[in-house]
Amino acid sequence: MPETPNPFGNLVLDDPGDGPPPGPSSQTGVNNDRPRAQRPPPIVLNYGDPHCENLMKKIRSKLKNSVTFVYCNVGIKIVCNDRTSYDRMKYCLKNKVKFFTHDIKAPALKKFTISGLCDSKDAIDSIKLELLEDYD
């Protein structure tokens, strides 16, 4: 190969530059419109707890595919795949060992401002019922 001052000069351009560069939205078979399910936060157990190993064996036997264990410098992180296994895990560990976890983010509430209505209690109640039917 001949030497050039530009180290990238020998690379061949696959894209002539007519269109936008390919990205994740242009891949076939990928649906980006669907919201991605958010994983629950990890539960961290301390290494110093004597019951930790026995609990891990029991958890592995009961929740094989919905829980992953990650060893880190703080302790053992238990990563749950869904919210139900996270809630079951917290309930099981509640009084047995000391653990740490973060709060789960609550879904954002929809807020509405309605102006120009009469002060009738019946009108306000009927609007509330309509909104609950439409957005619930």
N, C-alpha and C. Protein backbone atom coordinates (compact mmCIF):
# COMPACT_ATOMS: atom_id res chain seq x y z
N MET A 1 0.83 -1.17 0.00
CA MET A 1 0.00 0.00 0.00
C MET A 1 0.88 1.24 0.00
N PRO A 2 0.51 2.22 -0.79
CA PRO A 2 1.30 3.45 -0.78
C PRO A 2 1.01 4.26 0.47
N GLU A 3 2.03 4.92 0.96
CA GLU A 3 1.85 5.74 2.15
C GLU A 3 1.28 7.09 1.76
N THR A 4 0.33 7.56 2.52
CA THR A 4 -0.28 8.87 2.29
C THR A 4 -0.19 9.66 3.58
N PRO A 5 -0.26 10.99 3.49
CA PRO A 5 -0.22 11.78 4.72
C PRO A 5 -1.48 11.57 5.57
N ASN A 6 -2.57 11.17 4.95
CA ASN A 6 -3.80 10.92 5.69
C ASN A 6 -3.89 9.43 5.99
N PRO A 7 -3.88 9.01 7.26
CA PRO A 7 -3.94 7.57 7.56
C PRO A 7 -5.27 6.94 7.17
N PHE A 8 -6.32 7.74 7.00
CA PHE A 8 -7.63 7.20 6.64
C PHE A 8 -7.89 7.34 5.14
N GLY A 9 -6.94 7.77 4.38
CA GLY A 9 -7.12 7.99 2.95
C GLY A 9 -7.34 6.70 2.17
N ASN A 10 -6.87 5.58 2.66
CA ASN A 10 -7.02 4.31 1.94
C ASN A 10 -8.37 3.64 2.18
N LEU A 11 -9.16 4.19 3.07
CA LEU A 11 -10.47 3.59 3.34
C LEU A 11 -11.41 3.88 2.18
N VAL A 12 -12.23 2.92 1.84
CA VAL A 12 -13.18 3.06 0.75
C VAL A 12 -14.51 3.51 1.32
N LEU A 13 -15.12 4.50 0.68
CA LEU A 13 -16.43 4.97 1.12
C LEU A 13 -17.51 4.05 0.59
N ASP A 14 -18.31 3.49 1.49
CA ASP A 14 -19.44 2.65 1.08
C ASP A 14 -20.65 3.51 0.74
N ASP A 15 -20.79 4.61 1.44
CA ASP A 15 -21.95 5.48 1.26
C ASP A 15 -21.51 6.69 0.44
N PRO A 16 -22.16 6.96 -0.69
CA PRO A 16 -21.76 8.12 -1.48
C PRO A 16 -22.13 9.44 -0.82
N GLY A 17 -22.93 9.43 0.22
CA GLY A 17 -23.25 10.66 0.93
C GLY A 17 -24.52 11.32 0.44
N ASP A 18 -25.33 10.63 -0.36
CA ASP A 18 -26.56 11.23 -0.86
C ASP A 18 -27.64 11.32 0.20
N GLY A 19 -27.74 10.34 1.07
CA GLY A 19 -28.81 10.31 2.06
C GLY A 19 -28.25 10.42 3.46
N PRO A 20 -29.13 10.37 4.44
CA PRO A 20 -28.67 10.41 5.83
C PRO A 20 -27.95 9.12 6.18
N PRO A 21 -27.03 9.17 7.15
CA PRO A 21 -26.32 7.95 7.53
C PRO A 21 -27.29 6.96 8.16
N PRO A 22 -27.03 5.67 7.98
CA PRO A 22 -27.94 4.69 8.57
C PRO A 22 -27.86 4.73 10.08
N GLY A 23 -28.99 4.62 10.70
CA GLY A 23 -29.06 4.66 12.16
C GLY A 23 -29.94 3.55 12.66
N PRO A 24 -30.20 3.52 13.95
CA PRO A 24 -31.02 2.45 14.50
C PRO A 24 -32.45 2.48 13.99
N SER A 25 -32.97 3.67 13.59
CA SER A 25 -34.35 3.74 13.13
C SER A 25 -34.51 3.21 11.72
N SER A 26 -33.41 3.13 10.95
CA SER A 26 -33.51 2.66 9.57
C SER A 26 -33.30 1.16 9.44
N GLN A 27 -33.03 0.47 10.55
CA GLN A 27 -32.83 -0.97 10.49
C GLN A 27 -34.18 -1.66 10.27
N THR A 28 -34.17 -2.73 9.53
CA THR A 28 -35.41 -3.46 9.28
C THR A 28 -35.73 -4.35 10.47
N GLY A 29 -37.00 -4.43 10.78
CA GLY A 29 -37.44 -5.31 11.87
C GLY A 29 -37.33 -4.69 13.25
N VAL A 30 -36.98 -3.42 13.35
CA VAL A 30 -36.84 -2.78 14.65
C VAL A 30 -38.01 -1.82 14.82
N ASN A 31 -38.73 -1.95 15.91
CA ASN A 31 -39.86 -1.08 16.20
C ASN A 31 -39.45 -0.10 17.30
N ASN A 32 -39.20 1.14 16.92
CA ASN A 32 -38.76 2.15 17.88
C ASN A 32 -39.93 2.94 18.46
N ASP A 33 -41.16 2.69 17.99
CA ASP A 33 -42.32 3.42 18.48
C ASP A 33 -42.76 2.93 19.85
N ARG A 34 -42.49 1.69 20.15
CA ARG A 34 -42.93 1.11 21.41
C ARG A 34 -42.04 1.59 22.56
N PRO A 35 -42.63 2.06 23.67
CA PRO A 35 -41.78 2.47 24.80
C PRO A 35 -41.10 1.26 25.42
N ARG A 36 -39.87 1.45 25.81
CA ARG A 36 -39.09 0.37 26.39
C ARG A 36 -39.42 0.22 27.87
N ALA A 37 -39.61 -1.00 28.31
CA ALA A 37 -39.93 -1.25 29.71
C ALA A 37 -38.70 -0.94 30.57
N GLN A 38 -38.95 -0.20 31.62
CA GLN A 38 -37.84 0.20 32.48
C GLN A 38 -37.58 -0.88 33.52
N ARG A 39 -36.32 -1.25 33.65
CA ARG A 39 -35.94 -2.25 34.64
C ARG A 39 -35.97 -1.64 36.04
N PRO A 40 -36.34 -2.44 37.03
CA PRO A 40 -36.27 -1.94 38.40
C PRO A 40 -34.82 -1.80 38.85
N PRO A 41 -34.57 -0.98 39.86
CA PRO A 41 -33.19 -0.79 40.33
C PRO A 41 -32.65 -2.06 40.98
N PRO A 42 -31.32 -2.20 41.03
CA PRO A 42 -30.76 -3.41 41.65
C PRO A 42 -30.91 -3.39 43.16
N ILE A 43 -30.91 -4.57 43.74
CA ILE A 43 -30.91 -4.73 45.20
C ILE A 43 -29.49 -5.16 45.56
N VAL A 44 -28.87 -4.46 46.50
CA VAL A 44 -27.48 -4.74 46.85
C VAL A 44 -27.42 -5.36 48.24
N LEU A 45 -26.84 -6.56 48.31
CA LEU A 45 -26.61 -7.24 49.58
C LEU A 45 -25.17 -7.03 50.01
N ASN A 46 -24.93 -6.98 51.31
CA ASN A 46 -23.59 -6.80 51.85
C ASN A 46 -22.88 -8.15 51.91
N TYR A 47 -21.56 -8.14 51.59
CA TYR A 47 -20.78 -9.38 51.66
C TYR A 47 -20.69 -9.94 53.08
N GLY A 48 -20.69 -9.08 54.08
CA GLY A 48 -20.45 -9.52 55.44
C GLY A 48 -21.57 -10.32 56.07
N ASP A 49 -22.72 -10.36 55.46
CA ASP A 49 -23.85 -11.07 56.05
C ASP A 49 -23.65 -12.57 55.93
N PRO A 50 -23.76 -13.33 57.04
CA PRO A 50 -23.51 -14.78 56.97
C PRO A 50 -24.60 -15.54 56.22
N HIS A 51 -25.80 -14.99 56.11
CA HIS A 51 -26.90 -15.68 55.43
C HIS A 51 -26.93 -15.41 53.93
N CYS A 52 -26.01 -14.62 53.45
CA CYS A 52 -26.03 -14.17 52.06
C CYS A 52 -25.92 -15.33 51.07
N GLU A 53 -24.99 -16.25 51.28
CA GLU A 53 -24.79 -17.36 50.35
C GLU A 53 -26.00 -18.31 50.33
N ASN A 54 -26.55 -18.59 51.51
CA ASN A 54 -27.73 -19.47 51.56
C ASN A 54 -28.92 -18.83 50.85
N LEU A 55 -29.10 -17.52 51.04
CA LEU A 55 -30.19 -16.82 50.37
C LEU A 55 -30.01 -16.84 48.85
N MET A 56 -28.77 -16.66 48.40
CA MET A 56 -28.53 -16.69 46.96
C MET A 56 -28.88 -18.05 46.36
N LYS A 57 -28.56 -19.13 47.05
CA LYS A 57 -28.90 -20.47 46.56
C LYS A 57 -30.41 -20.64 46.47
N LYS A 58 -31.14 -20.17 47.48
CA LYS A 58 -32.60 -20.29 47.47
C LYS A 58 -33.20 -19.43 46.36
N ILE A 59 -32.66 -18.23 46.18
CA ILE A 59 -33.17 -17.34 45.14
C ILE A 59 -32.92 -17.94 43.76
N ARG A 60 -31.74 -18.49 43.56
CA ARG A 60 -31.43 -19.12 42.27
C ARG A 60 -32.37 -20.29 41.97
N SER A 61 -32.73 -21.05 42.99
CA SER A 61 -33.61 -22.20 42.76
C SER A 61 -35.05 -21.77 42.47
N LYS A 62 -35.50 -20.67 43.07
CA LYS A 62 -36.89 -20.25 42.88
C LYS A 62 -37.08 -19.32 41.69
N LEU A 63 -36.15 -18.40 41.47
CA LEU A 63 -36.28 -17.41 40.40
C LEU A 63 -35.12 -17.54 39.43
N LYS A 64 -35.08 -18.61 38.68
CA LYS A 64 -33.93 -18.90 37.82
C LYS A 64 -33.74 -17.87 36.72
N ASN A 65 -34.77 -17.60 35.94
CA ASN A 65 -34.61 -16.77 34.75
C ASN A 65 -34.94 -15.30 34.95
N SER A 66 -35.48 -14.93 36.09
CA SER A 66 -35.88 -13.53 36.26
C SER A 66 -34.93 -12.72 37.13
N VAL A 67 -33.84 -13.34 37.61
CA VAL A 67 -32.90 -12.65 38.49
C VAL A 67 -31.48 -12.94 38.03
N THR A 68 -30.63 -11.89 38.09
CA THR A 68 -29.21 -12.03 37.77
C THR A 68 -28.40 -11.52 38.95
N PHE A 69 -27.31 -12.20 39.27
CA PHE A 69 -26.42 -11.79 40.36
C PHE A 69 -25.16 -11.19 39.76
N VAL A 70 -24.75 -10.04 40.29
CA VAL A 70 -23.53 -9.37 39.83
C VAL A 70 -22.69 -9.08 41.07
N TYR A 71 -21.46 -9.58 41.08
CA TYR A 71 -20.56 -9.32 42.20
C TYR A 71 -19.86 -7.99 41.96
N CYS A 72 -19.87 -7.12 42.97
CA CYS A 72 -19.20 -5.81 42.86
C CYS A 72 -18.46 -5.55 44.16
N ASN A 73 -17.76 -4.42 44.23
CA ASN A 73 -16.93 -4.13 45.40
C ASN A 73 -17.77 -3.82 46.64
N VAL A 74 -19.00 -3.40 46.49
CA VAL A 74 -19.86 -3.09 47.63
C VAL A 74 -20.50 -4.35 48.19
N GLY A 75 -20.87 -5.25 47.32
CA GLY A 75 -21.56 -6.46 47.74
C GLY A 75 -22.02 -7.23 46.53
N ILE A 76 -23.19 -7.79 46.63
CA ILE A 76 -23.78 -8.56 45.54
C ILE A 76 -25.01 -7.83 45.06
N LYS A 77 -25.01 -7.49 43.77
CA LYS A 77 -26.17 -6.83 43.19
C LYS A 77 -27.11 -7.89 42.65
N ILE A 78 -28.36 -7.78 43.02
CA ILE A 78 -29.40 -8.65 42.47
C ILE A 78 -30.20 -7.80 41.50
N VAL A 79 -30.13 -8.16 40.22
CA VAL A 79 -30.83 -7.41 39.18
C VAL A 79 -32.02 -8.23 38.73
N CYS A 80 -33.21 -7.68 38.91
CA CYS A 80 -34.44 -8.35 38.52
C CYS A 80 -34.87 -7.88 37.13
N ASN A 81 -35.45 -8.78 36.36
CA ASN A 81 -35.86 -8.44 35.00
C ASN A 81 -37.18 -7.70 34.93
N ASP A 82 -38.04 -7.89 35.91
CA ASP A 82 -39.34 -7.22 35.86
C ASP A 82 -39.76 -6.77 37.25
N ARG A 83 -40.83 -6.02 37.30
CA ARG A 83 -41.29 -5.41 38.54
C ARG A 83 -41.82 -6.45 39.53
N THR A 84 -42.48 -7.49 39.04
CA THR A 84 -43.05 -8.48 39.95
C THR A 84 -41.96 -9.25 40.69
N SER A 85 -40.91 -9.63 39.98
CA SER A 85 -39.82 -10.34 40.66
C SER A 85 -39.08 -9.40 41.61
N TYR A 86 -39.00 -8.11 41.28
CA TYR A 86 -38.39 -7.12 42.18
C TYR A 86 -39.19 -7.01 43.47
N ASP A 87 -40.51 -6.93 43.37
CA ASP A 87 -41.35 -6.82 44.56
C ASP A 87 -41.27 -8.09 45.40
N ARG A 88 -41.27 -9.26 44.75
CA ARG A 88 -41.13 -10.51 45.49
C ARG A 88 -39.79 -10.60 46.20
N MET A 89 -38.73 -10.14 45.53
CA MET A 89 -37.39 -10.17 46.11
C MET A 89 -37.31 -9.27 47.35
N LYS A 90 -37.85 -8.06 47.23
CA LYS A 90 -37.83 -7.14 48.39
C LYS A 90 -38.61 -7.71 49.56
N TYR A 91 -39.75 -8.34 49.27
CA TYR A 91 -40.56 -8.92 50.33
C TYR A 91 -39.83 -10.07 51.01
N CYS A 92 -39.14 -10.90 50.24
CA CYS A 92 -38.42 -12.05 50.81
C CYS A 92 -37.23 -11.62 51.65
N LEU A 93 -36.54 -10.55 51.23
CA LEU A 93 -35.34 -10.11 51.93
C LEU A 93 -35.62 -9.14 53.07
N LYS A 94 -36.86 -8.73 53.23
CA LYS A 94 -37.20 -7.64 54.14
C LYS A 94 -36.65 -7.82 55.56
N ASN A 95 -36.86 -8.92 56.18
CA ASN A 95 -36.43 -9.12 57.57
C ASN A 95 -35.28 -10.09 57.72
N LYS A 96 -34.72 -10.58 56.61
CA LYS A 96 -33.67 -11.58 56.70
C LYS A 96 -32.27 -11.00 56.64
N VAL A 97 -32.02 -10.08 55.73
CA VAL A 97 -30.70 -9.48 55.59
C VAL A 97 -30.84 -7.98 55.36
N LYS A 98 -29.74 -7.27 55.58
CA LYS A 98 -29.71 -5.85 55.27
C LYS A 98 -29.40 -5.68 53.78
N PHE A 99 -30.17 -4.86 53.13
CA PHE A 99 -29.95 -4.62 51.71
C PHE A 99 -30.23 -3.16 51.40
N PHE A 100 -29.80 -2.73 50.22
CA PHE A 100 -29.99 -1.37 49.76
C PHE A 100 -30.56 -1.40 48.36
N THR A 101 -31.50 -0.52 48.09
CA THR A 101 -32.05 -0.36 46.76
C THR A 101 -32.53 1.08 46.59
N HIS A 102 -32.76 1.48 45.37
CA HIS A 102 -33.28 2.82 45.07
C HIS A 102 -34.79 2.74 44.92
N ASP A 103 -35.44 3.89 44.99
CA ASP A 103 -36.88 3.94 44.76
C ASP A 103 -37.17 3.81 43.27
N ILE A 104 -38.30 3.22 42.97
CA ILE A 104 -38.73 3.11 41.58
C ILE A 104 -39.43 4.40 41.20
N LYS A 105 -39.12 4.89 39.99
CA LYS A 105 -39.72 6.13 39.52
C LYS A 105 -41.21 5.91 39.27
N ALA A 106 -42.00 6.84 39.78
CA ALA A 106 -43.44 6.78 39.55
C ALA A 106 -43.75 7.31 38.16
N PRO A 107 -44.80 6.79 37.54
CA PRO A 107 -45.15 7.31 36.20
C PRO A 107 -45.58 8.76 36.29
N ALA A 108 -45.28 9.51 35.25
CA ALA A 108 -45.62 10.93 35.23
C ALA A 108 -47.13 11.09 35.14
N LEU A 109 -47.65 11.99 35.96
CA LEU A 109 -49.08 12.25 35.95
C LEU A 109 -49.42 13.24 34.85
N LYS A 110 -50.59 13.10 34.26
CA LYS A 110 -51.06 14.05 33.26
C LYS A 110 -51.82 15.15 33.97
N LYS A 111 -51.47 16.39 33.66
CA LYS A 111 -52.13 17.53 34.27
C LYS A 111 -52.91 18.29 33.21
N PHE A 112 -54.08 18.76 33.58
CA PHE A 112 -54.94 19.49 32.67
C PHE A 112 -55.32 20.82 33.32
N THR A 113 -55.43 21.86 32.51
CA THR A 113 -55.92 23.15 32.97
C THR A 113 -57.16 23.47 32.15
N ILE A 114 -58.26 23.70 32.84
CA ILE A 114 -59.52 24.00 32.17
C ILE A 114 -59.94 25.39 32.65
N SER A 115 -60.16 26.26 31.70
CA SER A 115 -60.57 27.62 32.07
C SER A 115 -61.82 28.00 31.29
N GLY A 116 -62.54 28.98 31.79
CA GLY A 116 -63.72 29.49 31.12
C GLY A 116 -64.98 28.71 31.41
N LEU A 117 -65.01 27.96 32.48
CA LEU A 117 -66.19 27.19 32.84
C LEU A 117 -66.96 27.90 33.94
N CYS A 118 -68.23 27.54 34.01
CA CYS A 118 -69.01 28.10 35.11
C CYS A 118 -68.61 27.38 36.40
N ASP A 119 -69.00 27.94 37.50
CA ASP A 119 -68.61 27.40 38.81
C ASP A 119 -69.56 26.31 39.30
N SER A 120 -70.26 25.69 38.42
CA SER A 120 -71.21 24.67 38.80
C SER A 120 -70.47 23.39 39.19
N LYS A 121 -70.87 22.81 40.28
CA LYS A 121 -70.27 21.57 40.77
C LYS A 121 -70.56 20.41 39.81
N ASP A 122 -71.76 20.41 39.20
CA ASP A 122 -72.13 19.34 38.27
C ASP A 122 -71.26 19.36 37.03
N ALA A 123 -70.93 20.55 36.50
CA ALA A 123 -70.10 20.65 35.30
C ALA A 123 -68.70 20.14 35.58
N ILE A 124 -68.15 20.47 36.73
CA ILE A 124 -66.81 20.05 37.09
C ILE A 124 -66.76 18.52 37.25
N ASP A 125 -67.77 17.96 37.90
CA ASP A 125 -67.81 16.51 38.08
C ASP A 125 -67.95 15.77 36.76
N SER A 126 -68.77 16.29 35.85
CA SER A 126 -68.95 15.62 34.56
C SER A 126 -67.66 15.68 33.74
N ILE A 127 -66.93 16.79 33.80
CA ILE A 127 -65.65 16.90 33.08
C ILE A 127 -64.63 15.93 33.66
N LYS A 128 -64.59 15.81 34.98
CA LYS A 128 -63.67 14.85 35.61
C LYS A 128 -63.98 13.43 35.16
N LEU A 129 -65.25 13.08 35.10
CA LEU A 129 -65.63 11.73 34.65
C LEU A 129 -65.24 11.49 33.21
N GLU A 130 -65.42 12.49 32.33
CA GLU A 130 -65.04 12.34 30.93
C GLU A 130 -63.53 12.15 30.78
N LEU A 131 -62.76 12.93 31.55
CA LEU A 131 -61.30 12.80 31.48
C LEU A 131 -60.84 11.43 31.98
N LEU A 132 -61.46 10.96 33.05
CA LEU A 132 -61.10 9.64 33.57
C LEU A 132 -61.43 8.53 32.57
N GLU A 133 -62.56 8.67 31.86
CA GLU A 133 -62.92 7.67 30.85
C GLU A 133 -61.96 7.69 29.68
N ASP A 134 -61.57 8.89 29.25
CA ASP A 134 -60.72 9.01 28.07
C ASP A 134 -59.25 8.64 28.34
N TYR A 135 -58.73 8.98 29.51
CA TYR A 135 -57.29 8.80 29.76
C TYR A 135 -56.99 7.75 30.81
N ASP A 136 -57.90 6.94 31.16
CA ASP A 136 -57.62 5.90 32.15
C ASP A 136 -57.31 4.59 31.54
